[in-house]
C-alpha cells in the first residue's frame, strides 16, 4: 500500500443517483410506483422496476443535488405523509451513499391507484 494518496476525482452520474433514489422511493409505504415525468392523455403510467429511474430527475449544481420524483401513490393514503416520508428517505439514502448534500427533494404526485390486494 502506498503512503501517498492517490489523486483523481470521482464522478457519479445522475442516473446512478436516480437509481439510489428509486430504491428509497419504492420501499416507502403508500407508493404504488414511479411515473413518467410527462403525462400523455393525463394518465399516469406506472413504470416497471427496471425503468424506475425514468420517474426521477436529478440535477447536480455546486456539489448540491436536487431531485424531482414523479410518483403514483396508493389511493386512500395521506398524500402529504407519504410524500414527506419519500423526501426524507431519498435525502437520507442519497446523502449516505454519496457523502454529498441533497439540497431539495420535490415530489410530483402523477396519480392515485387502488392497490390489488388479493
C-alpha atoms as a PDB file:
ATOM      1  CA  UNK A   1       0.000   0.000   0.000  1.00  0.00           C
ATOM      2  CA  UNK A   2       1.320   3.420  -0.979  1.00  0.00           C
ATOM      3  CA  UNK A   3       1.992   6.059   1.652  1.00  0.00           C
ATOM      4  CA  UNK A   4       0.990   8.771  -0.838  1.00  0.00           C
ATOM      5  CA  UNK A   5      -2.703   9.417  -1.504  1.00  0.00           C
ATOM      6  CA  UNK A   6      -3.984   8.669  -4.974  1.00  0.00           C
ATOM      7  CA  UNK A   7      -5.108  11.774  -6.826  1.00  0.00           C
ATOM      8  CA  UNK A   8      -8.064  11.996  -9.169  1.00  0.00           C
ATOM      9  CA  UNK A   9     -11.754  12.566  -8.952  1.00  0.00           C
ATOM     10  CA  UNK A  10     -14.912  10.567  -8.581  1.00  0.00           C
ATOM     11  CA  UNK A  11     -17.976  11.325 -10.673  1.00  0.00           C
ATOM     12  CA  UNK A  12     -21.380   9.795 -10.036  1.00  0.00           C
ATOM     13  CA  UNK A  13     -23.820  10.080 -12.914  1.00  0.00           C
ATOM     14  CA  UNK A  14     -27.319  11.494 -12.381  1.00  0.00           C
ATOM     15  CA  UNK A  15     -28.684   8.114 -13.500  1.00  0.00           C
ATOM     16  CA  UNK A  16     -26.781   6.365 -10.700  1.00  0.00           C
ATOM     17  CA  UNK A  17     -28.144   8.892  -8.200  1.00  0.00           C
ATOM     18  CA  UNK A  18     -31.624   8.271  -9.624  1.00  0.00           C
ATOM     19  CA  UNK A  19     -31.193   4.537  -9.024  1.00  0.00           C
ATOM     20  CA  UNK A  20     -30.368   5.159  -5.359  1.00  0.00           C
ATOM     21  CA  UNK A  21     -33.390   7.446  -5.058  1.00  0.00           C
ATOM     22  CA  UNK A  22     -35.668   4.933  -6.820  1.00  0.00           C
ATOM     23  CA  UNK A  23     -34.798   2.188  -4.347  1.00  0.00           C
ATOM     24  CA  UNK A  24     -35.602   4.531  -1.466  1.00  0.00           C
ATOM     25  CA  UNK A  25     -38.916   5.631  -3.023  1.00  0.00           C
ATOM     26  CA  UNK A  26     -40.101   2.143  -3.901  1.00  0.00           C
ATOM     27  CA  UNK A  27     -39.513   0.982  -0.324  1.00  0.00           C
ATOM     28  CA  UNK A  28     -41.818   3.687   1.082  1.00  0.00           C
ATOM     29  CA  UNK A  29     -45.280   2.777   2.318  1.00  0.00           C
ATOM     30  CA  UNK A  30     -48.058   4.088   0.074  1.00  0.00           C
ATOM     31  CA  UNK A  31     -46.040   4.258  -3.139  1.00  0.00           C
ATOM     32  CA  UNK A  32     -47.505   2.207  -5.984  1.00  0.00           C
ATOM     33  CA  UNK A  33     -44.737   3.062  -8.444  1.00  0.00           C
ATOM     34  CA  UNK A  34     -42.857   5.669 -10.407  1.00  0.00           C
ATOM     35  CA  UNK A  35     -44.409   7.563 -13.268  1.00  0.00           C
ATOM     36  CA  UNK A  36     -43.070   9.268 -16.355  1.00  0.00           C
ATOM     37  CA  UNK A  37     -42.395  12.961 -15.766  1.00  0.00           C
ATOM     38  CA  UNK A  38     -44.689  13.992 -18.606  1.00  0.00           C
ATOM     39  CA  UNK A  39     -48.146  12.558 -18.882  1.00  0.00           C
ATOM     40  CA  UNK A  40     -49.776  11.752 -22.190  1.00  0.00           C
ATOM     41  CA  UNK A  41     -53.569  11.967 -22.034  1.00  0.00           C
ATOM     42  CA  UNK A  42     -53.231  12.757 -18.306  1.00  0.00           C
ATOM     43  CA  UNK A  43     -52.957   9.067 -17.442  1.00  0.00           C
ATOM     44  CA  UNK A  44     -50.183   8.003 -15.074  1.00  0.00           C
ATOM     45  CA  UNK A  45     -48.278   5.066 -16.460  1.00  0.00           C
ATOM     46  CA  UNK A  46     -46.573   3.084 -13.748  1.00  0.00           C
ATOM     47  CA  UNK A  47     -43.034   2.256 -14.783  1.00  0.00           C
ATOM     48  CA  UNK A  48     -41.588  -1.150 -14.088  1.00  0.00           C
ATOM     49  CA  UNK A  49     -38.761  -1.560 -11.591  1.00  0.00           C
ATOM     50  CA  UNK A  50     -36.152  -1.643 -14.399  1.00  0.00           C
ATOM     51  CA  UNK A  51     -37.315   1.753 -15.667  1.00  0.00           C
ATOM     52  CA  UNK A  52     -37.947   3.384 -12.295  1.00  0.00           C
ATOM     53  CA  UNK A  53     -35.061   5.842 -12.747  1.00  0.00           C
ATOM     54  CA  UNK A  54     -37.106   7.419 -15.545  1.00  0.00           C
ATOM     55  CA  UNK A  55     -39.536   8.745 -12.959  1.00  0.00           C
ATOM     56  CA  UNK A  56     -36.725  10.694 -11.316  1.00  0.00           C
ATOM     57  CA  UNK A  57     -34.906  13.807 -12.479  1.00  0.00           C
ATOM     58  CA  UNK A  58     -31.559  14.630 -10.864  1.00  0.00           C
ATOM     59  CA  UNK A  59     -29.613  17.878 -11.114  1.00  0.00           C
ATOM     60  CA  UNK A  60     -26.186  18.470  -9.572  1.00  0.00           C
ATOM     61  CA  UNK A  61     -25.001  22.080  -9.144  1.00  0.00           C
ATOM     62  CA  UNK A  62     -22.099  23.207  -6.956  1.00  0.00           C
ATOM     63  CA  UNK A  63     -21.917  19.781  -5.268  1.00  0.00           C
ATOM     64  CA  UNK A  64     -25.587  20.037  -4.231  1.00  0.00           C
ATOM     65  CA  UNK A  65     -28.160  17.609  -5.511  1.00  0.00           C
ATOM     66  CA  UNK A  66     -31.760  18.413  -6.458  1.00  0.00           C
ATOM     67  CA  UNK A  67     -34.132  15.523  -7.096  1.00  0.00           C
ATOM     68  CA  UNK A  68     -37.638  15.511  -8.591  1.00  0.00           C
ATOM     69  CA  UNK A  69     -39.736  12.390  -8.011  1.00  0.00           C
ATOM     70  CA  UNK A  70     -42.728  11.547 -10.224  1.00  0.00           C
ATOM     71  CA  UNK A  71     -44.825   9.004  -8.387  1.00  0.00           C
ATOM     72  CA  UNK A  72     -48.124   7.193  -8.230  1.00  0.00           C
ATOM     73  CA  UNK A  73     -49.477   6.836  -4.710  1.00  0.00           C
ATOM     74  CA  UNK A  74     -51.928   4.341  -3.285  1.00  0.00           C
ATOM     75  CA  UNK A  75     -55.461   5.698  -3.126  1.00  0.00           C
ATOM     76  CA  UNK A  76     -56.649   6.196   0.445  1.00  0.00           C
ATOM     77  CA  UNK A  77     -53.268   7.046   1.942  1.00  0.00           C
ATOM     78  CA  UNK A  78     -52.490  10.509   3.289  1.00  0.00           C
ATOM     79  CA  UNK A  79     -50.611  12.015   0.367  1.00  0.00           C
ATOM     80  CA  UNK A  80     -48.731  14.600   2.447  1.00  0.00           C
ATOM     81  CA  UNK A  81     -47.379  11.950   4.833  1.00  0.00           C
ATOM     82  CA  UNK A  82     -46.365   9.579   2.043  1.00  0.00           C
ATOM     83  CA  UNK A  83     -44.637  12.445   0.201  1.00  0.00           C
ATOM     84  CA  UNK A  84     -42.809  13.627   3.332  1.00  0.00           C
ATOM     85  CA  UNK A  85     -41.656  10.062   4.029  1.00  0.00           C
ATOM     86  CA  UNK A  86     -40.339   9.780   0.448  1.00  0.00           C
ATOM     87  CA  UNK A  87     -38.496  13.082   0.733  1.00  0.00           C
ATOM     88  CA  UNK A  88     -36.772  12.072   3.967  1.00  0.00           C
ATOM     89  CA  UNK A  89     -35.969   8.563   2.754  1.00  0.00           C
ATOM     90  CA  UNK A  90     -34.460   9.756  -0.530  1.00  0.00           C
ATOM     91  CA  UNK A  91     -32.429  12.502   1.156  1.00  0.00           C
ATOM     92  CA  UNK A  92     -31.050  10.076   3.741  1.00  0.00           C
ATOM     93  CA  UNK A  93     -30.235   7.326   1.208  1.00  0.00           C
ATOM     94  CA  UNK A  94     -28.502   9.598  -1.303  1.00  0.00           C
ATOM     95  CA  UNK A  95     -26.511  11.521   1.309  1.00  0.00           C
ATOM     96  CA  UNK A  96     -25.422   8.289   2.998  1.00  0.00           C
ATOM     97  CA  UNK A  97     -24.359   6.689  -0.296  1.00  0.00           C
ATOM     98  CA  UNK A  98     -22.571   9.692  -1.797  1.00  0.00           C
ATOM     99  CA  UNK A  99     -21.495  11.883   1.097  1.00  0.00           C
ATOM    100  CA  UNK A 100     -22.928  14.885  -0.779  1.00  0.00           C
ATOM    101  CA  UNK A 101     -25.644  17.222   0.434  1.00  0.00           C
ATOM    102  CA  UNK A 102     -29.107  16.915  -1.079  1.00  0.00           C
ATOM    103  CA  UNK A 103     -30.437  20.454  -1.466  1.00  0.00           C
ATOM    104  CA  UNK A 104     -34.023  19.503  -2.241  1.00  0.00           C
ATOM    105  CA  UNK A 105     -36.345  16.619  -2.992  1.00  0.00           C
ATOM    106  CA  UNK A 106     -39.558  17.534  -4.807  1.00  0.00           C
ATOM    107  CA  UNK A 107     -42.456  15.086  -5.053  1.00  0.00           C
ATOM    108  CA  UNK A 108     -44.837  15.268  -8.019  1.00  0.00           C
ATOM    109  CA  UNK A 109     -47.859  13.023  -7.496  1.00  0.00           C
ATOM    110  CA  UNK A 110     -48.865  11.967 -11.012  1.00  0.00           C
ATOM    111  CA  UNK A 111     -51.775   9.780  -9.995  1.00  0.00           C
ATOM    112  CA  UNK A 112     -53.514   7.645  -7.434  1.00  0.00           C
ATOM    113  CA  UNK A 113     -54.159   3.920  -7.774  1.00  0.00           C
ATOM    114  CA  UNK A 114     -56.075   1.360  -5.813  1.00  0.00           C
ATOM    115  CA  UNK A 115     -53.760  -1.490  -4.860  1.00  0.00           C
ATOM    116  CA  UNK A 116     -54.752  -5.018  -5.823  1.00  0.00           C
ATOM    117  CA  UNK A 117     -54.954  -6.848  -2.518  1.00  0.00           C
ATOM    118  CA  UNK A 118     -55.875 -10.429  -3.251  1.00  0.00           C
END
